[in-house]
């Protein structure tokens, strides 16, 4: 099974697709994650082919907070898709107590507000863990 990293960022010229990297190293993950300190965009790391059971894809949605206010802060939404034994898909998220419970709009859709973070180092850690182990600790994403 291969781990594949790919995504896109939105810069002044529009959406720019990143090269797909099979079996990314930690330094490659660092380099790609660093882009999301500057650009909005989406990043995915996944198993290829997808397994029948267990985690299969970790997705990051990076969005500038308060776009109309131009406050320069970034919000990161992390979603980990996992196949359950009964065939259902479970989506694991972080539970960031920095935010009030409830829903928040992120990339135009409603998500649990506590599934977001402003901590790019946490994002970096989660992506490295998935690249290394194919999963993320349930202590971080439940």
C-alpha atoms as a PDB file:
ATOM      1  CA  UNK A   1       0.000   0.000   0.000  1.00  0.00           C
ATOM      2  CA  UNK A   2       1.309   3.447  -0.937  1.00  0.00           C
ATOM      3  CA  UNK A   3       0.772   6.723   0.913  1.00  0.00           C
ATOM      4  CA  UNK A   4       0.103   9.580  -1.515  1.00  0.00           C
ATOM      5  CA  UNK A   5       0.203  13.337  -0.768  1.00  0.00           C
ATOM      6  CA  UNK A   6      -1.358  15.970  -3.013  1.00  0.00           C
ATOM      7  CA  UNK A   7      -3.496  19.072  -3.051  1.00  0.00           C
ATOM      8  CA  UNK A   8      -3.810  22.636  -4.189  1.00  0.00           C
ATOM      9  CA  UNK A   9      -3.291  26.185  -2.985  1.00  0.00           C
ATOM     10  CA  UNK A  10      -5.015  29.374  -4.029  1.00  0.00           C
ATOM     11  CA  UNK A  11      -2.650  32.217  -4.839  1.00  0.00           C
ATOM     12  CA  UNK A  12      -3.005  35.531  -6.709  1.00  0.00           C
ATOM     13  CA  UNK A  13      -3.238  33.721 -10.051  1.00  0.00           C
ATOM     14  CA  UNK A  14      -5.890  31.222  -8.891  1.00  0.00           C
ATOM     15  CA  UNK A  15      -5.820  27.557  -7.919  1.00  0.00           C
ATOM     16  CA  UNK A  16      -2.413  25.927  -8.264  1.00  0.00           C
ATOM     17  CA  UNK A  17      -2.145  22.146  -8.070  1.00  0.00           C
ATOM     18  CA  UNK A  18       0.772  20.689  -6.157  1.00  0.00           C
ATOM     19  CA  UNK A  19       2.760  17.753  -7.491  1.00  0.00           C
ATOM     20  CA  UNK A  20       1.561  14.394  -6.196  1.00  0.00           C
ATOM     21  CA  UNK A  21       4.155  12.737  -3.969  1.00  0.00           C
ATOM     22  CA  UNK A  22       4.133   9.002  -3.313  1.00  0.00           C
ATOM     23  CA  UNK A  23       5.626   7.944   0.037  1.00  0.00           C
ATOM     24  CA  UNK A  24       6.465  11.517   1.147  1.00  0.00           C
ATOM     25  CA  UNK A  25       9.383  12.019   3.524  1.00  0.00           C
ATOM     26  CA  UNK A  26       9.001  14.111   6.660  1.00  0.00           C
ATOM     27  CA  UNK A  27      10.916  16.961   5.002  1.00  0.00           C
ATOM     28  CA  UNK A  28       8.549  16.854   2.005  1.00  0.00           C
ATOM     29  CA  UNK A  29       5.551  16.960   4.364  1.00  0.00           C
ATOM     30  CA  UNK A  30       7.150  19.936   6.181  1.00  0.00           C
ATOM     31  CA  UNK A  31       7.729  21.784   2.918  1.00  0.00           C
ATOM     32  CA  UNK A  32       4.172  21.251   1.659  1.00  0.00           C
ATOM     33  CA  UNK A  33       2.492  22.059   5.017  1.00  0.00           C
ATOM     34  CA  UNK A  34       4.466  25.325   5.170  1.00  0.00           C
ATOM     35  CA  UNK A  35       2.593  26.545   2.084  1.00  0.00           C
ATOM     36  CA  UNK A  36      -0.609  26.627   4.133  1.00  0.00           C
ATOM     37  CA  UNK A  37       0.824  29.321   6.423  1.00  0.00           C
ATOM     38  CA  UNK A  38       0.532  31.623   3.392  1.00  0.00           C
ATOM     39  CA  UNK A  39      -2.133  30.200   1.092  1.00  0.00           C
ATOM     40  CA  UNK A  40      -5.645  28.878   1.353  1.00  0.00           C
ATOM     41  CA  UNK A  41      -6.119  25.434  -0.079  1.00  0.00           C
ATOM     42  CA  UNK A  42      -6.747  21.742   0.347  1.00  0.00           C
ATOM     43  CA  UNK A  43      -4.243  18.991   1.096  1.00  0.00           C
ATOM     44  CA  UNK A  44      -4.859  15.248   1.240  1.00  0.00           C
ATOM     45  CA  UNK A  45      -2.745  12.307   2.232  1.00  0.00           C
ATOM     46  CA  UNK A  46      -4.235   8.902   1.515  1.00  0.00           C
ATOM     47  CA  UNK A  47      -3.629   5.194   1.136  1.00  0.00           C
ATOM     48  CA  UNK A  48      -3.484   3.965  -2.460  1.00  0.00           C
ATOM     49  CA  UNK A  49      -5.356   1.776  -3.010  1.00  0.00           C
ATOM     50  CA  UNK A  50      -7.878   2.521  -0.280  1.00  0.00           C
ATOM     51  CA  UNK A  51      -8.089  -0.201   2.378  1.00  0.00           C
ATOM     52  CA  UNK A  52     -11.372  -1.987   3.074  1.00  0.00           C
ATOM     53  CA  UNK A  53     -11.027  -1.220   6.782  1.00  0.00           C
ATOM     54  CA  UNK A  54      -9.440   1.568   8.815  1.00  0.00           C
ATOM     55  CA  UNK A  55      -8.154   5.054   8.008  1.00  0.00           C
ATOM     56  CA  UNK A  56      -7.889   5.886   4.325  1.00  0.00           C
ATOM     57  CA  UNK A  57      -7.623   9.678   3.903  1.00  0.00           C
ATOM     58  CA  UNK A  58      -6.576  12.721   5.943  1.00  0.00           C
ATOM     59  CA  UNK A  59      -7.759  16.052   4.552  1.00  0.00           C
ATOM     60  CA  UNK A  60      -6.761  19.607   5.429  1.00  0.00           C
ATOM     61  CA  UNK A  61      -8.841  22.651   4.487  1.00  0.00           C
ATOM     62  CA  UNK A  62      -6.863  25.863   5.079  1.00  0.00           C
ATOM     63  CA  UNK A  63      -8.801  29.108   5.109  1.00  0.00           C
ATOM     64  CA  UNK A  64      -7.971  32.678   6.043  1.00  0.00           C
ATOM     65  CA  UNK A  65     -10.015  33.674   9.067  1.00  0.00           C
ATOM     66  CA  UNK A  66     -12.080  36.822   8.766  1.00  0.00           C
ATOM     67  CA  UNK A  67     -11.403  37.348   5.061  1.00  0.00           C
ATOM     68  CA  UNK A  68     -13.490  40.530   5.079  1.00  0.00           C
ATOM     69  CA  UNK A  69     -11.613  41.789   8.156  1.00  0.00           C
ATOM     70  CA  UNK A  70      -8.235  40.824   6.688  1.00  0.00           C
ATOM     71  CA  UNK A  71      -6.941  39.912  10.151  1.00  0.00           C
ATOM     72  CA  UNK A  72      -4.330  37.551   8.733  1.00  0.00           C
ATOM     73  CA  UNK A  73      -5.126  34.553  10.943  1.00  0.00           C
ATOM     74  CA  UNK A  74      -5.508  31.085   9.482  1.00  0.00           C
ATOM     75  CA  UNK A  75      -7.974  28.343  10.329  1.00  0.00           C
ATOM     76  CA  UNK A  76      -7.248  24.704   9.571  1.00  0.00           C
ATOM     77  CA  UNK A  77      -9.903  21.997   9.414  1.00  0.00           C
ATOM     78  CA  UNK A  78      -8.659  18.410   9.715  1.00  0.00           C
ATOM     79  CA  UNK A  79     -10.819  15.424   8.710  1.00  0.00           C
ATOM     80  CA  UNK A  80      -9.720  11.783   8.843  1.00  0.00           C
ATOM     81  CA  UNK A  81     -11.884   9.301   6.933  1.00  0.00           C
ATOM     82  CA  UNK A  82     -11.970   5.763   8.251  1.00  0.00           C
ATOM     83  CA  UNK A  83     -13.854   2.657   7.084  1.00  0.00           C
ATOM     84  CA  UNK A  84     -15.622   0.825   9.911  1.00  0.00           C
ATOM     85  CA  UNK A  85     -16.138  -2.975  10.120  1.00  0.00           C
ATOM     86  CA  UNK A  86     -19.861  -2.578   9.300  1.00  0.00           C
ATOM     87  CA  UNK A  87     -19.013  -0.691   6.071  1.00  0.00           C
ATOM     88  CA  UNK A  88     -19.837   2.774   7.412  1.00  0.00           C
ATOM     89  CA  UNK A  89     -17.442   5.687   7.062  1.00  0.00           C
ATOM     90  CA  UNK A  90     -16.418   7.429  10.264  1.00  0.00           C
ATOM     91  CA  UNK A  91     -14.943  10.919  10.098  1.00  0.00           C
ATOM     92  CA  UNK A  92     -12.516  11.658  12.909  1.00  0.00           C
ATOM     93  CA  UNK A  93     -11.660  15.222  13.910  1.00  0.00           C
ATOM     94  CA  UNK A  94      -9.734  17.083  16.555  1.00  0.00           C
ATOM     95  CA  UNK A  95     -11.659  18.499  19.533  1.00  0.00           C
ATOM     96  CA  UNK A  96     -10.199  21.960  19.999  1.00  0.00           C
ATOM     97  CA  UNK A  97     -11.566  23.507  23.192  1.00  0.00           C
ATOM     98  CA  UNK A  98     -10.353  26.934  21.975  1.00  0.00           C
ATOM     99  CA  UNK A  99     -13.659  27.164  20.079  1.00  0.00           C
ATOM    100  CA  UNK A 100     -17.206  27.051  21.428  1.00  0.00           C
ATOM    101  CA  UNK A 101     -19.233  23.903  20.659  1.00  0.00           C
ATOM    102  CA  UNK A 102     -21.553  24.114  17.675  1.00  0.00           C
ATOM    103  CA  UNK A 103     -21.181  24.537  13.949  1.00  0.00           C
ATOM    104  CA  UNK A 104     -19.026  26.944  11.983  1.00  0.00           C
ATOM    105  CA  UNK A 105     -18.786  27.689   8.286  1.00  0.00           C
ATOM    106  CA  UNK A 106     -15.490  26.576   6.767  1.00  0.00           C
ATOM    107  CA  UNK A 107     -15.000  26.558   3.004  1.00  0.00           C
ATOM    108  CA  UNK A 108     -18.713  27.299   2.601  1.00  0.00           C
ATOM    109  CA  UNK A 109     -19.960  24.236   4.523  1.00  0.00           C
ATOM    110  CA  UNK A 110     -20.913  23.630   8.135  1.00  0.00           C
ATOM    111  CA  UNK A 111     -18.475  21.681  10.312  1.00  0.00           C
ATOM    112  CA  UNK A 112     -18.096  21.241  14.069  1.00  0.00           C
ATOM    113  CA  UNK A 113     -16.403  24.432  15.218  1.00  0.00           C
ATOM    114  CA  UNK A 114     -14.053  22.440  17.456  1.00  0.00           C
ATOM    115  CA  UNK A 115     -12.729  20.465  14.465  1.00  0.00           C
ATOM    116  CA  UNK A 116     -10.711  23.560  13.523  1.00  0.00           C
ATOM    117  CA  UNK A 117      -7.375  24.848  14.767  1.00  0.00           C
ATOM    118  CA  UNK A 118      -5.074  27.819  14.265  1.00  0.00           C
ATOM    119  CA  UNK A 119      -2.058  25.641  15.126  1.00  0.00           C
ATOM    120  CA  UNK A 120      -0.079  24.808  11.977  1.00  0.00           C
ATOM    121  CA  UNK A 121       2.341  22.721  14.053  1.00  0.00           C
ATOM    122  CA  UNK A 122      -0.519  20.426  15.038  1.00  0.00           C
ATOM    123  CA  UNK A 123      -1.411  20.096  11.336  1.00  0.00           C
ATOM    124  CA  UNK A 124       2.217  19.298  10.550  1.00  0.00           C
ATOM    125  CA  UNK A 125       2.351  16.674  13.329  1.00  0.00           C
ATOM    126  CA  UNK A 126      -0.870  14.960  12.202  1.00  0.00           C
ATOM    127  CA  UNK A 127       0.243  14.760   8.551  1.00  0.00           C
ATOM    128  CA  UNK A 128       3.663  13.387   9.514  1.00  0.00           C
ATOM    129  CA  UNK A 129       2.064  10.762  11.745  1.00  0.00           C
ATOM    130  CA  UNK A 130      -0.261   9.633   8.942  1.00  0.00           C
ATOM    131  CA  UNK A 131       2.648   9.521   6.470  1.00  0.00           C
ATOM    132  CA  UNK A 132       4.706   7.448   8.916  1.00  0.00           C
ATOM    133  CA  UNK A 133       2.030   5.103  10.361  1.00  0.00           C
ATOM    134  CA  UNK A 134      -1.006   5.319   8.090  1.00  0.00           C
ATOM    135  CA  UNK A 135      -3.132   6.517  11.002  1.00  0.00           C
ATOM    136  CA  UNK A 136      -3.436   9.303  13.580  1.00  0.00           C
ATOM    137  CA  UNK A 137      -3.639   8.669  17.317  1.00  0.00           C
ATOM    138  CA  UNK A 138      -7.201   8.618  18.661  1.00  0.00           C
ATOM    139  CA  UNK A 139      -5.900  10.896  21.443  1.00  0.00           C
ATOM    140  CA  UNK A 140      -5.491  13.608  18.781  1.00  0.00           C
ATOM    141  CA  UNK A 141      -8.305  12.803  16.339  1.00  0.00           C
ATOM    142  CA  UNK A 142     -11.296  10.913  17.720  1.00  0.00           C
END
